[in-house]
N, C-alpha and C. Protein backbone atom coordinates (compact mmCIF):
# COMPACT_ATOMS: atom_id res chain seq x y z
N MET A 1 -24.36 142.68 87.41
CA MET A 1 -25.60 143.23 86.60
C MET A 1 -25.68 144.48 87.18
N THR A 2 -25.98 145.21 86.50
CA THR A 2 -26.22 146.69 86.52
C THR A 2 -27.97 147.01 87.19
N GLN A 3 -28.18 148.10 87.84
CA GLN A 3 -29.57 148.20 88.18
C GLN A 3 -30.49 148.45 86.92
N THR A 4 -29.63 149.01 85.70
CA THR A 4 -30.45 149.36 84.34
C THR A 4 -30.88 147.99 83.88
N GLN A 5 -29.88 146.95 83.92
CA GLN A 5 -30.13 145.89 83.36
C GLN A 5 -31.36 144.78 84.08
N GLN A 6 -30.94 145.12 85.37
CA GLN A 6 -32.32 144.36 86.08
C GLN A 6 -33.59 145.02 85.87
N ASP A 7 -33.25 146.30 85.83
CA ASP A 7 -34.96 147.17 85.43
C ASP A 7 -35.60 146.81 84.19
N LEU A 8 -34.43 146.54 83.09
CA LEU A 8 -34.94 146.22 81.81
C LEU A 8 -35.42 144.88 81.88
N LEU A 9 -34.90 143.99 82.78
CA LEU A 9 -35.58 142.60 82.81
C LEU A 9 -36.84 142.62 83.35
N LYS A 10 -37.11 143.18 84.46
CA LYS A 10 -38.34 143.19 85.28
C LYS A 10 -39.54 144.19 84.33
N LYS A 11 -38.94 145.07 83.44
CA LYS A 11 -40.13 145.44 82.68
C LYS A 11 -40.16 144.43 81.50
N ALA A 12 -39.43 143.80 81.14
CA ALA A 12 -39.90 142.75 80.20
C ALA A 12 -40.72 141.89 80.67
N TYR A 13 -40.47 141.09 81.74
CA TYR A 13 -41.67 140.30 82.63
C TYR A 13 -42.59 140.94 82.75
N ALA A 14 -42.85 142.38 83.07
CA ALA A 14 -44.24 142.88 83.13
C ALA A 14 -44.98 143.18 81.95
N ASP A 15 -44.17 143.40 80.84
CA ASP A 15 -44.85 143.50 79.55
C ASP A 15 -45.22 142.29 79.05
N PHE A 16 -44.37 141.38 79.42
CA PHE A 16 -45.02 139.77 79.07
C PHE A 16 -46.26 139.26 79.88
N ASN A 17 -46.36 139.62 81.01
CA ASN A 17 -47.46 139.59 81.81
C ASN A 17 -48.85 140.43 81.10
N ALA A 18 -48.58 141.39 80.76
CA ALA A 18 -49.47 142.28 80.11
C ALA A 18 -49.92 141.76 78.76
N ARG A 19 -49.22 141.03 78.19
CA ARG A 19 -49.21 140.42 76.53
C ARG A 19 -49.06 141.33 75.74
N ASP A 20 -47.85 142.29 76.09
CA ASP A 20 -47.47 143.47 75.12
C ASP A 20 -46.18 142.91 74.56
N ILE A 21 -46.71 141.99 73.35
CA ILE A 21 -45.49 141.29 72.75
C ILE A 21 -44.55 142.10 72.11
N ASP A 22 -44.92 143.26 71.20
CA ASP A 22 -44.14 144.27 70.70
C ASP A 22 -43.09 144.89 71.76
N ALA A 23 -43.45 145.18 72.94
CA ALA A 23 -42.72 145.62 74.12
C ALA A 23 -41.42 144.73 74.53
N VAL A 24 -42.07 143.61 74.61
CA VAL A 24 -40.90 142.60 74.97
C VAL A 24 -39.87 142.31 74.00
N LEU A 25 -40.38 141.92 72.44
CA LEU A 25 -39.73 141.88 71.40
C LEU A 25 -38.54 142.88 71.11
N ALA A 26 -38.85 144.31 71.43
CA ALA A 26 -38.28 145.46 71.38
C ALA A 26 -36.74 145.31 72.09
N VAL A 27 -36.74 144.51 73.23
CA VAL A 27 -35.59 144.31 73.91
C VAL A 27 -34.93 143.16 73.61
N MET A 28 -35.21 142.23 72.71
CA MET A 28 -34.69 140.94 72.38
C MET A 28 -33.93 141.15 71.18
N HIS A 29 -32.99 140.21 70.96
CA HIS A 29 -32.22 140.12 69.76
C HIS A 29 -33.01 139.59 68.53
N PRO A 30 -32.86 140.27 67.34
CA PRO A 30 -33.54 139.82 66.21
C PRO A 30 -33.52 138.29 66.34
N ASP A 31 -32.44 137.77 66.41
CA ASP A 31 -31.99 136.33 66.17
C ASP A 31 -32.38 135.46 67.53
N VAL A 32 -33.23 135.95 68.45
CA VAL A 32 -33.48 135.39 69.68
C VAL A 32 -34.02 133.84 69.54
N GLU A 33 -33.41 133.28 70.53
CA GLU A 33 -33.55 131.67 70.62
C GLU A 33 -34.58 131.31 71.98
N TRP A 34 -35.59 131.00 71.68
CA TRP A 34 -36.44 131.20 72.89
C TRP A 34 -36.89 129.61 73.19
N ALA A 35 -37.13 129.03 74.26
CA ALA A 35 -37.47 127.67 74.43
C ALA A 35 -38.82 127.56 74.34
N ASN A 36 -39.21 126.44 73.78
CA ASN A 36 -40.87 126.42 73.49
C ASN A 36 -41.42 125.01 74.33
N GLY A 37 -42.06 125.73 75.50
CA GLY A 37 -42.20 124.84 76.60
C GLY A 37 -43.41 123.67 76.14
N MET A 38 -44.13 124.22 75.30
CA MET A 38 -45.34 123.30 74.85
C MET A 38 -45.10 122.10 73.89
N GLU A 39 -44.36 122.36 73.08
CA GLU A 39 -43.93 121.27 72.05
C GLU A 39 -42.65 120.91 71.94
N GLY A 40 -41.75 121.31 72.79
CA GLY A 40 -40.30 121.18 72.77
C GLY A 40 -39.58 121.86 72.10
N GLY A 41 -38.02 121.91 72.02
CA GLY A 41 -37.28 122.73 71.06
C GLY A 41 -37.18 124.03 71.52
N HIS A 42 -36.77 124.76 70.36
CA HIS A 42 -37.01 126.32 70.44
C HIS A 42 -37.30 126.97 68.98
N VAL A 43 -37.86 127.96 69.48
CA VAL A 43 -38.37 128.88 67.87
C VAL A 43 -37.24 129.89 68.09
N HIS A 44 -37.12 130.30 66.81
CA HIS A 44 -35.76 131.26 66.59
C HIS A 44 -36.52 132.53 65.90
N GLY A 45 -35.99 133.89 66.63
CA GLY A 45 -36.55 135.13 65.76
C GLY A 45 -37.94 135.79 66.20
N HIS A 46 -37.87 137.02 66.25
CA HIS A 46 -38.77 137.73 66.65
C HIS A 46 -40.42 137.02 66.09
N GLU A 47 -40.41 136.81 64.80
CA GLU A 47 -41.95 136.58 64.48
C GLU A 47 -42.09 135.08 64.80
N ALA A 48 -41.37 134.09 65.14
CA ALA A 48 -41.32 133.04 65.63
C ALA A 48 -41.82 133.00 67.11
N VAL A 49 -41.17 133.78 67.68
CA VAL A 49 -41.55 134.00 69.33
C VAL A 49 -42.72 134.52 69.42
N ARG A 50 -43.11 135.56 68.46
CA ARG A 50 -44.72 136.15 68.47
C ARG A 50 -45.65 134.92 68.34
N ASP A 51 -45.36 134.29 67.00
CA ASP A 51 -46.26 133.17 66.77
C ASP A 51 -46.47 132.10 67.94
N TYR A 52 -45.17 132.09 68.70
CA TYR A 52 -45.38 130.70 69.61
C TYR A 52 -46.28 131.46 71.00
N TRP A 53 -45.86 132.69 71.28
CA TRP A 53 -46.81 133.02 72.20
C TRP A 53 -48.34 133.37 71.99
N THR A 54 -48.42 133.85 70.96
CA THR A 54 -49.93 133.94 70.71
C THR A 54 -50.68 132.64 70.61
N ARG A 55 -49.95 131.61 70.16
CA ARG A 55 -50.58 130.15 70.42
C ARG A 55 -50.78 129.78 71.67
N GLN A 56 -49.69 130.11 72.49
CA GLN A 56 -49.86 129.60 74.01
C GLN A 56 -50.77 130.50 74.71
N TRP A 57 -50.80 131.62 74.41
CA TRP A 57 -51.78 132.27 75.13
C TRP A 57 -53.48 132.13 74.85
N ASN A 58 -53.69 131.50 73.67
CA ASN A 58 -54.97 131.08 73.42
C ASN A 58 -55.13 129.76 74.19
N LEU A 59 -54.04 129.09 74.68
CA LEU A 59 -54.69 128.08 75.38
C LEU A 59 -54.29 128.01 76.96
N ILE A 60 -53.29 128.71 77.50
CA ILE A 60 -52.78 128.89 78.78
C ILE A 60 -52.74 130.13 79.14
N ASN A 61 -52.81 130.67 80.54
CA ASN A 61 -52.65 131.98 80.76
C ASN A 61 -51.40 131.98 81.65
N PRO A 62 -50.23 132.04 81.31
CA PRO A 62 -48.73 132.11 82.05
C PRO A 62 -48.59 133.46 82.78
N HIS A 63 -48.23 133.44 84.13
CA HIS A 63 -47.69 134.78 84.65
C HIS A 63 -46.37 134.33 85.22
N VAL A 64 -45.55 135.46 85.14
CA VAL A 64 -44.17 134.98 85.51
C VAL A 64 -43.68 136.41 86.19
N GLU A 65 -42.86 136.02 87.36
CA GLU A 65 -42.64 137.17 88.12
C GLU A 65 -41.01 136.85 88.58
N PRO A 66 -40.13 137.58 88.23
CA PRO A 66 -38.65 137.65 88.46
C PRO A 66 -38.47 137.77 89.98
N GLN A 67 -37.79 136.72 90.79
CA GLN A 67 -37.40 136.78 92.12
C GLN A 67 -36.20 137.16 92.51
N GLY A 68 -35.16 136.64 91.37
CA GLY A 68 -33.76 137.09 91.72
C GLY A 68 -32.75 136.89 90.63
N PHE A 69 -31.71 137.59 90.42
CA PHE A 69 -30.71 137.75 89.33
C PHE A 69 -29.61 137.40 89.85
N GLN A 70 -28.68 136.38 88.97
CA GLN A 70 -27.38 135.94 89.25
C GLN A 70 -26.51 135.73 88.01
N PRO A 71 -25.50 136.32 88.00
CA PRO A 71 -24.70 136.08 86.77
C PRO A 71 -23.94 134.43 86.70
N ASP A 72 -23.99 133.62 85.69
CA ASP A 72 -23.06 132.53 86.00
C ASP A 72 -21.78 132.79 85.31
N GLU A 73 -20.94 131.65 85.46
CA GLU A 73 -19.54 131.86 85.54
C GLU A 73 -19.28 132.22 83.83
N SER A 74 -20.27 132.06 82.95
CA SER A 74 -20.10 132.19 81.43
C SER A 74 -20.69 133.98 81.02
N GLY A 75 -21.11 134.57 82.18
CA GLY A 75 -21.32 135.88 81.99
C GLY A 75 -22.99 135.93 81.61
N ARG A 76 -23.67 134.88 81.49
CA ARG A 76 -24.93 134.92 81.43
C ARG A 76 -25.76 135.43 82.48
N MET A 77 -27.04 135.92 82.23
CA MET A 77 -27.86 136.16 83.61
C MET A 77 -28.82 135.08 83.68
N VAL A 78 -28.92 134.64 84.88
CA VAL A 78 -29.83 133.51 85.57
C VAL A 78 -30.86 134.56 86.26
N VAL A 79 -32.01 134.08 85.86
CA VAL A 79 -33.20 134.91 86.51
C VAL A 79 -34.17 133.60 87.38
N ALA A 80 -34.13 133.73 88.52
CA ALA A 80 -35.04 132.95 89.33
C ALA A 80 -36.44 133.56 89.31
N VAL A 81 -37.31 132.62 88.62
CA VAL A 81 -38.69 133.15 88.05
C VAL A 81 -39.88 132.30 89.04
N HIS A 82 -40.90 132.99 89.67
CA HIS A 82 -41.92 132.23 90.05
C HIS A 82 -43.02 132.31 88.86
N GLN A 83 -43.29 131.20 88.32
CA GLN A 83 -44.27 130.78 87.42
C GLN A 83 -45.52 130.16 87.88
N VAL A 84 -46.53 130.77 87.27
CA VAL A 84 -47.78 130.40 87.81
C VAL A 84 -48.56 130.27 86.44
N VAL A 85 -49.12 128.92 85.99
CA VAL A 85 -49.78 128.57 84.73
C VAL A 85 -51.25 128.51 85.20
N ARG A 86 -52.25 129.02 84.47
CA ARG A 86 -53.68 128.63 84.60
C ARG A 86 -54.09 128.51 83.16
N ASP A 87 -55.30 127.55 83.30
CA ASP A 87 -55.96 127.26 81.92
C ASP A 87 -57.10 128.42 81.96
N LEU A 88 -57.54 128.74 80.76
CA LEU A 88 -58.49 129.99 80.28
C LEU A 88 -59.63 129.97 81.36
N ASP A 89 -59.94 128.88 82.18
CA ASP A 89 -60.87 129.16 83.04
C ASP A 89 -60.47 129.41 84.27
N GLY A 90 -59.13 129.74 84.53
CA GLY A 90 -58.49 130.02 85.70
C GLY A 90 -58.15 129.00 86.41
N ASN A 91 -58.26 127.74 86.43
CA ASN A 91 -57.68 126.46 87.20
C ASN A 91 -56.24 126.34 87.02
N LEU A 92 -55.83 126.30 88.37
CA LEU A 92 -54.24 126.47 88.34
C LEU A 92 -53.69 125.06 87.92
N MET A 93 -52.84 125.00 86.92
CA MET A 93 -52.15 124.12 86.08
C MET A 93 -50.81 123.76 86.91
N VAL A 94 -49.98 124.89 87.02
CA VAL A 94 -48.45 124.95 87.36
C VAL A 94 -48.09 126.23 88.28
N ASP A 95 -47.55 125.86 89.51
CA ASP A 95 -47.00 126.98 90.32
C ASP A 95 -45.57 126.43 90.86
N GLN A 96 -44.75 127.03 90.36
CA GLN A 96 -43.11 126.53 90.77
C GLN A 96 -42.27 127.49 90.48
N MET A 97 -40.87 127.29 90.60
CA MET A 97 -39.96 128.12 90.42
C MET A 97 -39.03 127.84 89.31
N VAL A 98 -38.80 128.60 88.20
CA VAL A 98 -37.95 128.05 87.40
C VAL A 98 -36.86 129.13 87.15
N HIS A 99 -36.06 128.78 86.08
CA HIS A 99 -34.85 129.58 86.10
C HIS A 99 -34.74 130.07 84.63
N HIS A 100 -34.71 131.09 84.10
CA HIS A 100 -34.50 131.78 82.64
C HIS A 100 -33.16 132.31 82.49
N MET A 101 -32.27 132.04 81.44
CA MET A 101 -30.99 132.39 81.27
C MET A 101 -30.99 133.60 80.08
N TYR A 102 -30.20 134.25 80.02
CA TYR A 102 -30.17 135.51 79.09
C TYR A 102 -28.56 135.62 79.02
């Protein structure tokens, strides 16, 4: 992974944390497939991701920080992410490491 790619992903995570949906979607493929962590399955495409995140942020306050980047054998990028999720009152719900694949 080049520094430019890593910087792009770091900015996308920062934009997600800032709730700047348009900035994050601008770097995603129009046919993006995004895991639906609340209801299961996946959502497809920019508008479905926008709808999912909007619904999610009305219920919880997730914060994600990339900790490491590693390509897998198929060429996908695996990002180790520290994920903290709070309810809208600020109470901690989840504090864990997860992996996102791009």
